Amino acid sequence: MYETERLVQELAKYEIDVRNVVVNQVLFPEDSAGASGSKHDCKKCLARRRMQSKYLEQIASLYEDFHVVYVPQLDDEVRGVQQITQFSEKLVQNAPAPPPPPAKAASAAQ
């Protein structure tokens, strides 16, 4: 967050217009509706989503006048022309920010 804001301010000093922000490696909730039919994330994924949600809220308020692109965290490294082409499509699809994770239950914190 701080590095991005410093970069935006530094570019503005040189009258370089910044209108786009890419937020990379965002965890979106997984649709794990399998045989059990339930939708949930693992405990570590939920914890990571909770940490990210704080920063995503800051990004939304700080860069409300910018075009913000949320790129999901991928399962594999992007390599080769085909994968780069598929990845580049995510940059122009304009996906909304992921929904906030469920609130952490008080009993789970102990």
C-alpha atoms as a PDB file:
ATOM      1  CA  MET A   1       0.000   0.000   0.000  1.00  0.00           C
ATOM      2  CA  TYR A   2       2.671   2.472   1.032  1.00  0.00           C
ATOM      3  CA  GLU A   3       4.892   1.709  -1.939  1.00  0.00           C
ATOM      4  CA  THR A   4       2.000   2.157  -4.344  1.00  0.00           C
ATOM      5  CA  GLU A   5       1.004   5.474  -2.820  1.00  0.00           C
ATOM      6  CA  ARG A   6       4.591   6.733  -2.900  1.00  0.00           C
ATOM      7  CA  LEU A   7       4.874   5.718  -6.544  1.00  0.00           C
ATOM      8  CA  VAL A   8       1.617   7.459  -7.468  1.00  0.00           C
ATOM      9  CA  GLN A   9       2.764  10.639  -5.701  1.00  0.00           C
ATOM     10  CA  GLU A  10       6.219  10.497  -7.287  1.00  0.00           C
ATOM     11  CA  LEU A  11       4.739  10.057 -10.761  1.00  0.00           C
ATOM     12  CA  ALA A  12       2.359  12.963 -10.116  1.00  0.00           C
ATOM     13  CA  LYS A  13       5.363  15.159  -9.274  1.00  0.00           C
ATOM     14  CA  TYR A  14       6.610  14.552 -12.806  1.00  0.00           C
ATOM     15  CA  GLU A  15       3.117  15.137 -14.214  1.00  0.00           C
ATOM     16  CA  ILE A  16       2.729  11.498 -15.211  1.00  0.00           C
ATOM     17  CA  ASP A  17      -0.947  10.680 -15.058  1.00  0.00           C
ATOM     18  CA  VAL A  18      -1.852   7.491 -13.212  1.00  0.00           C
ATOM     19  CA  ARG A  19      -5.392   6.234 -13.627  1.00  0.00           C
ATOM     20  CA  ASN A  20      -5.019   2.487 -13.268  1.00  0.00           C
ATOM     21  CA  VAL A  21      -4.050   0.343 -10.308  1.00  0.00           C
ATOM     22  CA  VAL A  22      -3.578  -3.428 -10.498  1.00  0.00           C
ATOM     23  CA  VAL A  23      -4.061  -5.362  -7.292  1.00  0.00           C
ATOM     24  CA  ASN A  24      -2.381  -8.701  -7.849  1.00  0.00           C
ATOM     25  CA  GLN A  25      -2.636 -12.053  -6.048  1.00  0.00           C
ATOM     26  CA  VAL A  26      -6.047 -11.382  -4.507  1.00  0.00           C
ATOM     27  CA  LEU A  27      -7.700 -14.374  -2.883  1.00  0.00           C
ATOM     28  CA  PHE A  28     -11.262 -14.740  -4.047  1.00  0.00           C
ATOM     29  CA  PRO A  29     -13.555 -17.182  -2.238  1.00  0.00           C
ATOM     30  CA  GLU A  30     -13.344 -20.614  -3.774  1.00  0.00           C
ATOM     31  CA  ASP A  31     -16.466 -22.324  -4.970  1.00  0.00           C
ATOM     32  CA  SER A  32     -15.777 -25.655  -3.349  1.00  0.00           C
ATOM     33  CA  ALA A  33     -19.313 -26.955  -3.686  1.00  0.00           C
ATOM     34  CA  GLY A  34     -18.332 -30.559  -4.145  1.00  0.00           C
ATOM     35  CA  ALA A  35     -19.985 -33.736  -3.068  1.00  0.00           C
ATOM     36  CA  SER A  36     -20.923 -32.233   0.292  1.00  0.00           C
ATOM     37  CA  GLY A  37     -22.542 -29.224  -1.390  1.00  0.00           C
ATOM     38  CA  SER A  38     -20.954 -26.743   1.020  1.00  0.00           C
ATOM     39  CA  LYS A  39     -19.168 -23.566   0.030  1.00  0.00           C
ATOM     40  CA  HIS A  40     -16.246 -22.639   2.276  1.00  0.00           C
ATOM     41  CA  ASP A  41     -12.563 -21.844   2.300  1.00  0.00           C
ATOM     42  CA  CYS A  42      -9.919 -23.597   4.327  1.00  0.00           C
ATOM     43  CA  LYS A  43      -8.907 -21.930   7.608  1.00  0.00           C
ATOM     44  CA  LYS A  44      -5.663 -20.559   6.148  1.00  0.00           C
ATOM     45  CA  CYS A  45      -7.456 -19.174   3.105  1.00  0.00           C
ATOM     46  CA  LEU A  46     -10.040 -17.453   5.302  1.00  0.00           C
ATOM     47  CA  ALA A  47      -7.293 -15.970   7.463  1.00  0.00           C
ATOM     48  CA  ARG A  48      -5.492 -14.656   4.372  1.00  0.00           C
ATOM     49  CA  ARG A  49      -8.742 -13.224   2.982  1.00  0.00           C
ATOM     50  CA  ARG A  50      -9.363 -11.436   6.290  1.00  0.00           C
ATOM     51  CA  MET A  51      -5.903  -9.871   6.148  1.00  0.00           C
ATOM     52  CA  GLN A  52      -6.378  -8.866   2.525  1.00  0.00           C
ATOM     53  CA  SER A  53      -9.858  -7.457   3.105  1.00  0.00           C
ATOM     54  CA  LYS A  54      -8.411  -4.689   5.288  1.00  0.00           C
ATOM     55  CA  TYR A  55      -6.089  -3.620   2.490  1.00  0.00           C
ATOM     56  CA  LEU A  56      -8.771  -3.998  -0.181  1.00  0.00           C
ATOM     57  CA  GLU A  57     -10.982  -1.601   1.790  1.00  0.00           C
ATOM     58  CA  GLN A  58      -8.114   0.894   1.971  1.00  0.00           C
ATOM     59  CA  ILE A  59      -7.507   0.560  -1.767  1.00  0.00           C
ATOM     60  CA  ALA A  60     -11.186   1.113  -2.502  1.00  0.00           C
ATOM     61  CA  SER A  61     -11.280   4.336  -0.500  1.00  0.00           C
ATOM     62  CA  LEU A  62      -7.830   5.643  -1.434  1.00  0.00           C
ATOM     63  CA  TYR A  63      -8.158   4.949  -5.152  1.00  0.00           C
ATOM     64  CA  GLU A  64     -11.879   5.517  -5.655  1.00  0.00           C
ATOM     65  CA  ASP A  65     -11.160   7.787  -8.651  1.00  0.00           C
ATOM     66  CA  PHE A  66      -8.857   5.215 -10.272  1.00  0.00           C
ATOM     67  CA  HIS A  67      -9.575   2.228 -12.445  1.00  0.00           C
ATOM     68  CA  VAL A  68      -8.694  -0.609 -10.053  1.00  0.00           C
ATOM     69  CA  VAL A  69      -8.230  -4.131 -11.427  1.00  0.00           C
ATOM     70  CA  TYR A  70      -8.279  -7.075  -9.027  1.00  0.00           C
ATOM     71  CA  VAL A  71      -6.288 -10.046 -10.322  1.00  0.00           C
ATOM     72  CA  PRO A  72      -6.847 -13.326  -8.501  1.00  0.00           C
ATOM     73  CA  GLN A  73      -4.013 -15.351  -7.061  1.00  0.00           C
ATOM     74  CA  LEU A  74      -3.301 -18.093  -9.544  1.00  0.00           C
ATOM     75  CA  ASP A  75      -2.607 -21.733  -8.849  1.00  0.00           C
ATOM     76  CA  ASP A  76       0.413 -21.811 -11.165  1.00  0.00           C
ATOM     77  CA  GLU A  77       3.122 -19.502 -12.440  1.00  0.00           C
ATOM     78  CA  VAL A  78       2.302 -17.709 -15.690  1.00  0.00           C
ATOM     79  CA  ARG A  79       4.648 -19.026 -18.383  1.00  0.00           C
ATOM     80  CA  GLY A  80       4.494 -19.044 -22.142  1.00  0.00           C
ATOM     81  CA  VAL A  81       2.555 -17.046 -24.680  1.00  0.00           C
ATOM     82  CA  GLN A  82      -0.775 -18.806 -24.155  1.00  0.00           C
ATOM     83  CA  GLN A  83      -0.742 -18.311 -20.375  1.00  0.00           C
ATOM     84  CA  ILE A  84       0.394 -14.701 -20.695  1.00  0.00           C
ATOM     85  CA  THR A  85      -2.452 -14.071 -23.137  1.00  0.00           C
ATOM     86  CA  GLN A  86      -4.963 -15.629 -20.731  1.00  0.00           C
ATOM     87  CA  PHE A  87      -3.517 -13.634 -17.825  1.00  0.00           C
ATOM     88  CA  SER A  88      -3.671 -10.373 -19.794  1.00  0.00           C
ATOM     89  CA  GLU A  89      -7.400 -10.879 -20.264  1.00  0.00           C
ATOM     90  CA  LYS A  90      -7.798 -10.652 -16.484  1.00  0.00           C
ATOM     91  CA  LEU A  91      -6.308  -7.159 -16.632  1.00  0.00           C
ATOM     92  CA  VAL A  92      -9.094  -5.878 -18.882  1.00  0.00           C
ATOM     93  CA  GLN A  93     -12.061  -7.871 -17.569  1.00  0.00           C
ATOM     94  CA  ASN A  94     -12.689  -5.395 -14.754  1.00  0.00           C
ATOM     95  CA  ALA A  95     -13.687  -7.945 -12.108  1.00  0.00           C
ATOM     96  CA  PRO A  96     -15.096  -6.437  -8.912  1.00  0.00           C
ATOM     97  CA  ALA A  97     -13.270  -6.738  -5.615  1.00  0.00           C
ATOM     98  CA  PRO A  98     -13.895 -10.007  -3.807  1.00  0.00           C
ATOM     99  CA  PRO A  99     -16.568 -10.036  -1.114  1.00  0.00           C
ATOM    100  CA  PRO A 100     -15.312  -9.722   2.454  1.00  0.00           C
ATOM    101  CA  PRO A 101     -14.703 -13.004   4.259  1.00  0.00           C
ATOM    102  CA  PRO A 102     -17.135 -14.127   6.936  1.00  0.00           C
ATOM    103  CA  ALA A 103     -16.536 -12.604  10.345  1.00  0.00           C
ATOM    104  CA  LYS A 104     -14.303 -14.650  12.598  1.00  0.00           C
ATOM    105  CA  ALA A 105     -16.309 -16.325  15.350  1.00  0.00           C
ATOM    106  CA  ALA A 106     -15.310 -15.424  18.904  1.00  0.00           C
ATOM    107  CA  SER A 107     -14.919 -19.085  19.856  1.00  0.00           C
ATOM    108  CA  ALA A 108     -12.541 -19.693  16.927  1.00  0.00           C
ATOM    109  CA  ALA A 109     -10.204 -16.976  18.219  1.00  0.00           C
ATOM    110  CA  GLN A 110      -9.502 -18.871  21.435  1.00  0.00           C
END
